[in-house]
Amino acid sequence: MRTFVLSDIHGHYETFLKMLDLIGFRDKDFLYVVGDVVDRGEDGIELIHDIMKRKNVELFLGNHELMMLNAIVYERKKSRGLIRENPFDEHLTPYELWTHPANGGDETYRDFYALSRSEQNEIEEYLRGLRLIKRVKIGKKTFHISHSYSLNYRFGQEVFYSEISDREAESIVWESLFDRPADAVSPDGAKLFGYLRDIYIVGHIFTQRLNHVDPEGRGKIFRASNYRGYHVIDLDCGMALNSRSSRLGCMQLETMDEYYVPLVEDV
């Protein structure tokens, strides 16, 4: 059995299939998809349907799946007359946040509501059952897998969306070790997280933003053995950018080998 991780496919189903072919993905292998399979690309719903059918692929909740869930709940409450929109409210509704150009949820929204109600319910139930954090031990290494962040007081090996508050879920999928104060030891000497020896595997922040690209300017998996006290691997190679720099990055945990499929093939 081989164990793979990848993240932030963002609706690019054909690129995902090419990656499975590249790594020679087999029934006895296992793949963790670390969130954000929907939005910005055209095939987010198709990706969800595909992953739902695979017993050896697990999807983690990302911020785009969370936006999708929040918008679905909002729209259903609104249709039942349980929500009255205030025209003077300057805050975005969950629907407006999801479909905002910065988040690119329009295509996913249209495809989701083109499904039958039973199909919609099936997807919603699936998303609600997703995991946010898992610790995976392979050999002498322990990998802490989440879309973007962690909870410093949860020391179990699993955190599911159904178990925690909305605020905690938002923290895990929106905040980042790259943005928030994340030093392993705070100025007063307190340890901020409990797993300082873990290898933190995340997505969410595309590595182009970290100026981490290959010689051709394409996203490259970011690996740092001591990033502010943590061993961090960022898998997001910029599929959300929908540009020549976008690649889908994948890693095998047993060997730490990297695999890439570009979104745009050079002619």
Protein backbone atom coordinates (compact mmCIF):
# COMPACT_ATOMS: atom_id res chain seq x y z
CA MET A 1 0.00 0.00 0.00
CA ARG A 2 1.17 3.49 -0.89
CA THR A 3 -0.20 6.68 0.69
CA PHE A 4 -0.59 9.89 -1.31
CA VAL A 5 -1.70 13.44 -0.49
CA LEU A 6 -2.74 16.29 -2.75
CA SER A 7 -4.78 19.45 -2.31
CA ASP A 8 -6.70 22.27 -3.98
CA ILE A 9 -7.87 20.68 -7.24
CA HIS A 10 -10.44 23.48 -7.67
CA GLY A 11 -12.76 21.91 -10.18
CA HIS A 12 -10.15 20.62 -12.62
CA TYR A 13 -11.33 17.04 -12.96
CA GLU A 14 -9.25 16.06 -15.99
CA THR A 15 -6.06 17.17 -14.25
CA PHE A 16 -7.03 15.03 -11.25
CA LEU A 17 -7.50 11.99 -13.48
CA LYS A 18 -4.13 12.64 -15.12
CA MET A 19 -2.53 12.68 -11.68
CA LEU A 20 -4.09 9.33 -10.76
CA ASP A 21 -2.70 7.93 -13.99
CA LEU A 22 0.75 9.46 -13.38
CA ILE A 23 1.11 7.92 -9.91
CA GLY A 24 -0.38 4.62 -11.06
CA PHE A 25 -3.08 4.82 -8.39
CA ARG A 26 -4.35 1.36 -7.47
CA ASP A 27 -7.14 -0.06 -5.32
CA LYS A 28 -4.68 -0.99 -2.58
CA ASP A 29 -3.29 2.58 -2.42
CA PHE A 30 -4.82 5.42 -0.40
CA LEU A 31 -5.19 9.10 -1.23
CA TYR A 32 -5.95 12.04 1.07
CA VAL A 33 -7.36 15.07 -0.77
CA VAL A 34 -6.75 17.99 1.57
CA GLY A 35 -9.74 20.18 0.69
CA ASP A 36 -10.90 22.62 -1.99
CA VAL A 37 -12.01 20.33 -4.79
CA VAL A 38 -14.76 22.78 -5.83
CA ASP A 39 -14.91 26.30 -7.32
CA ARG A 40 -12.90 28.29 -9.86
CA GLY A 41 -12.79 25.32 -12.25
CA GLU A 42 -15.80 23.84 -14.06
CA ASP A 43 -16.05 20.33 -12.62
CA GLY A 44 -16.30 20.64 -8.83
CA ILE A 45 -19.50 18.62 -8.55
CA GLU A 46 -18.10 15.94 -10.85
CA LEU A 47 -15.03 15.73 -8.61
CA ILE A 48 -17.17 15.31 -5.50
CA HIS A 49 -19.20 12.56 -7.17
CA ASP A 50 -16.00 10.76 -8.22
CA ILE A 51 -14.38 10.97 -4.78
CA MET A 52 -17.59 9.88 -3.03
CA LYS A 53 -17.50 6.62 -5.00
CA ARG A 54 -13.88 5.76 -4.19
CA LYS A 55 -13.34 3.77 -0.99
CA ASN A 56 -9.61 4.54 -1.01
CA VAL A 57 -9.86 8.33 -1.33
CA GLU A 58 -10.72 10.64 1.58
CA LEU A 59 -11.64 14.28 1.12
CA PHE A 60 -10.92 16.77 3.90
CA LEU A 61 -13.09 19.83 4.39
CA GLY A 62 -11.56 22.96 2.85
CA ASN A 63 -12.72 26.56 3.03
CA HIS A 64 -14.49 26.22 -0.33
CA GLU A 65 -16.47 23.18 0.80
CA LEU A 66 -17.35 25.07 4.00
CA MET A 67 -18.54 28.08 1.99
CA MET A 68 -20.63 25.71 -0.11
CA LEU A 69 -22.23 24.15 2.98
CA ASN A 70 -22.97 27.53 4.55
CA ALA A 71 -24.55 28.81 1.33
CA ILE A 72 -26.74 25.70 0.97
CA VAL A 73 -28.07 26.13 4.52
CA TYR A 74 -28.63 29.85 3.95
CA GLU A 75 -30.47 29.36 0.66
CA ARG A 76 -32.77 26.71 2.13
CA LYS A 77 -33.64 28.84 5.13
CA LYS A 78 -34.27 31.78 2.84
CA SER A 79 -36.60 29.73 0.60
CA ARG A 80 -38.62 28.76 3.69
CA GLY A 81 -38.98 32.38 4.74
CA LEU A 82 -36.74 31.95 7.77
CA ILE A 83 -34.31 34.66 6.65
CA ARG A 84 -35.11 38.23 5.70
CA GLU A 85 -32.30 40.03 3.97
CA ASN A 86 -31.55 43.55 5.14
CA PRO A 87 -30.79 45.77 2.12
CA PHE A 88 -28.70 48.02 4.37
CA ASP A 89 -26.51 45.20 5.69
CA GLU A 90 -23.01 45.63 4.24
CA HIS A 91 -21.93 42.08 5.10
CA LEU A 92 -21.93 39.45 2.38
CA THR A 93 -24.49 36.68 2.73
CA PRO A 94 -23.11 33.11 2.64
CA TYR A 95 -24.34 32.85 -0.95
CA GLU A 96 -22.64 36.11 -1.92
CA LEU A 97 -19.40 35.05 -0.25
CA TRP A 98 -19.34 31.70 -2.06
CA THR A 99 -20.14 33.15 -5.49
CA HIS A 100 -17.98 36.26 -5.11
CA PRO A 101 -15.47 36.54 -8.00
CA ALA A 102 -12.64 36.14 -5.48
CA ASN A 103 -13.98 32.70 -4.52
CA GLY A 104 -15.36 31.54 -7.85
CA GLY A 105 -18.31 29.46 -6.67
CA ASP A 106 -20.72 30.37 -9.50
CA GLU A 107 -20.12 27.24 -11.60
CA THR A 108 -20.36 24.92 -8.61
CA TYR A 109 -23.55 26.68 -7.47
CA ARG A 110 -25.24 26.22 -10.86
CA ASP A 111 -24.19 22.57 -11.15
CA PHE A 112 -25.28 21.77 -7.61
CA TYR A 113 -28.77 23.24 -8.03
CA ALA A 114 -29.15 21.48 -11.39
CA LEU A 115 -29.11 18.19 -9.45
CA SER A 116 -32.20 16.51 -8.08
CA ARG A 117 -33.03 17.27 -4.46
CA SER A 118 -32.02 13.76 -3.42
CA GLU A 119 -28.61 14.20 -5.11
CA GLN A 120 -28.19 17.56 -3.39
CA ASN A 121 -29.01 16.00 -0.03
CA GLU A 122 -26.52 13.20 -0.65
CA ILE A 123 -23.70 15.66 -1.35
CA GLU A 124 -24.64 17.85 1.61
CA GLU A 125 -24.64 14.84 3.95
CA TYR A 126 -21.28 13.73 2.56
CA LEU A 127 -19.71 17.15 3.11
CA ARG A 128 -21.06 17.34 6.65
CA GLY A 129 -19.33 14.07 7.43
CA LEU A 130 -15.88 15.21 6.31
CA ARG A 131 -12.79 15.27 8.48
CA LEU A 132 -10.79 18.42 9.18
CA ILE A 133 -7.72 17.04 10.95
CA LYS A 134 -6.04 13.64 10.96
CA ARG A 135 -2.67 12.44 12.23
CA VAL A 136 -1.21 9.66 10.10
CA LYS A 137 1.76 7.57 11.24
CA ILE A 138 3.93 6.03 8.53
CA GLY A 139 7.12 4.40 9.69
CA LYS A 140 8.85 6.76 12.10
CA LYS A 141 7.07 9.85 10.76
CA THR A 142 3.77 11.34 11.91
CA PHE A 143 1.90 13.61 9.51
CA HIS A 144 -0.62 16.17 10.76
CA ILE A 145 -3.01 16.68 7.82
CA SER A 146 -5.48 19.56 7.58
CA HIS A 147 -6.52 22.05 4.93
CA SER A 148 -4.71 24.95 6.53
CA TYR A 149 -4.47 25.21 10.32
CA SER A 150 -4.99 23.32 13.57
CA LEU A 151 -6.52 23.48 17.04
CA ASN A 152 -3.96 23.75 19.79
CA TYR A 153 -6.05 22.02 22.44
CA ARG A 154 -7.36 19.04 20.45
CA PHE A 155 -4.90 16.23 20.89
CA GLY A 156 -6.92 13.39 19.39
CA GLN A 157 -6.04 11.94 16.02
CA GLU A 158 -9.28 12.96 14.35
CA VAL A 159 -11.38 16.11 14.12
CA PHE A 160 -14.60 15.95 12.12
CA TYR A 161 -16.80 18.85 11.02
CA SER A 162 -19.75 17.43 12.93
CA GLU A 163 -17.82 17.52 16.22
CA ILE A 164 -16.77 21.16 16.45
CA SER A 165 -18.21 24.66 16.36
CA ASP A 166 -18.54 26.76 13.23
CA ARG A 167 -15.87 29.10 14.55
CA GLU A 168 -13.40 26.25 15.09
CA ALA A 169 -14.10 24.87 11.61
CA GLU A 170 -13.53 28.30 10.07
CA SER A 171 -10.23 28.60 11.94
CA ILE A 172 -8.94 25.27 10.59
CA VAL A 173 -9.85 25.93 6.95
CA TRP A 174 -9.27 29.69 6.67
CA GLU A 175 -6.35 30.54 8.95
CA SER A 176 -2.81 29.54 8.10
CA LEU A 177 0.56 28.79 9.63
CA PHE A 178 1.90 31.18 6.98
CA ASP A 179 -0.30 34.11 8.06
CA ARG A 180 -0.91 33.81 11.79
CA PRO A 181 1.67 33.92 14.58
CA ALA A 182 2.65 30.26 14.51
CA ASP A 183 6.00 30.00 16.22
CA ALA A 184 6.35 26.71 18.07
CA VAL A 185 7.10 28.58 21.30
CA SER A 186 5.47 31.92 22.08
CA PRO A 187 7.43 34.83 23.63
CA ASP A 188 6.29 33.79 27.11
CA GLY A 189 7.61 30.27 26.57
CA ALA A 190 4.25 28.56 26.09
CA LYS A 191 4.00 25.91 23.39
CA LEU A 192 1.30 26.86 20.89
CA PHE A 193 0.73 23.38 19.50
CA GLY A 194 1.18 19.94 20.98
CA TYR A 195 2.79 18.13 18.05
CA LEU A 196 6.09 19.87 17.44
CA ARG A 197 7.59 16.74 15.90
CA ASP A 198 4.76 16.22 13.42
CA ILE A 199 5.08 17.06 9.75
CA TYR A 200 2.26 19.52 9.02
CA ILE A 201 0.71 18.92 5.60
CA VAL A 202 -1.56 21.71 4.36
CA GLY A 203 -2.95 23.36 1.25
CA HIS A 204 -4.92 26.64 0.97
CA ILE A 205 -1.96 28.99 0.39
CA PHE A 206 -0.73 28.54 -3.16
CA THR A 207 3.02 28.21 -3.23
CA GLN A 208 3.41 30.90 -5.90
CA ARG A 209 2.44 33.31 -3.13
CA LEU A 210 5.42 32.00 -1.16
CA ASN A 211 7.65 32.61 -4.21
CA HIS A 212 8.21 28.88 -4.40
CA VAL A 213 8.14 27.88 -8.07
CA ASP A 214 10.13 25.69 -10.43
CA PRO A 215 12.53 27.17 -13.03
CA GLU A 216 9.60 27.57 -15.45
CA GLY A 217 7.57 29.59 -12.96
CA ARG A 218 5.11 26.82 -12.06
CA GLY A 219 3.99 26.10 -8.52
CA LYS A 220 6.19 23.72 -6.56
CA ILE A 221 5.41 21.87 -3.32
CA PHE A 222 6.80 23.93 -0.44
CA ARG A 223 8.85 21.93 2.08
CA ALA A 224 10.45 23.46 5.17
CA SER A 225 11.93 21.39 7.98
CA ASN A 226 11.92 24.37 10.33
CA TYR A 227 9.37 27.01 9.42
CA ARG A 228 9.02 29.06 12.62
CA GLY A 229 9.51 25.91 14.63
CA TYR A 230 7.43 23.54 12.50
CA HIS A 231 8.06 21.02 9.76
CA VAL A 232 5.61 22.19 7.07
CA ILE A 233 4.65 20.92 3.62
CA ASP A 234 2.30 23.01 1.47
CA LEU A 235 0.76 21.05 -1.42
CA ASP A 236 -1.21 23.87 -3.09
CA CYS A 237 0.54 24.55 -6.39
CA GLY A 238 -1.92 27.14 -7.67
CA MET A 239 -4.71 25.34 -9.51
CA ALA A 240 -7.00 28.17 -8.38
CA LEU A 241 -5.00 30.64 -10.46
CA ASN A 242 -6.16 29.03 -13.73
CA SER A 243 -2.92 30.02 -15.42
CA ARG A 244 0.20 28.54 -16.94
CA SER A 245 1.81 28.60 -13.48
CA SER A 246 -0.88 26.24 -12.12
CA ARG A 247 0.02 22.65 -11.34
CA LEU A 248 -1.52 19.87 -9.32
CA GLY A 249 1.06 18.63 -6.84
CA CYS A 250 0.99 15.24 -5.15
CA MET A 251 3.29 13.54 -2.63
CA GLN A 252 3.76 9.94 -1.59
CA LEU A 253 4.22 9.85 2.18
CA GLU A 254 6.31 6.68 2.36
CA THR A 255 9.02 8.05 0.07
CA MET A 256 8.29 11.82 0.08
CA ASP A 257 8.46 11.70 -3.73
CA GLU A 258 6.70 14.55 -5.56
CA TYR A 259 4.51 14.34 -8.67
CA TYR A 260 3.17 17.15 -10.83
CA VAL A 261 0.57 17.59 -13.55
CA PRO A 262 0.38 21.06 -15.16
CA LEU A 263 -3.02 22.61 -15.72
CA VAL A 264 -1.85 24.01 -19.05
CA GLU A 265 0.27 21.75 -21.21
CA ASP A 266 3.01 23.51 -23.17
CA VAL A 267 2.67 23.01 -26.92
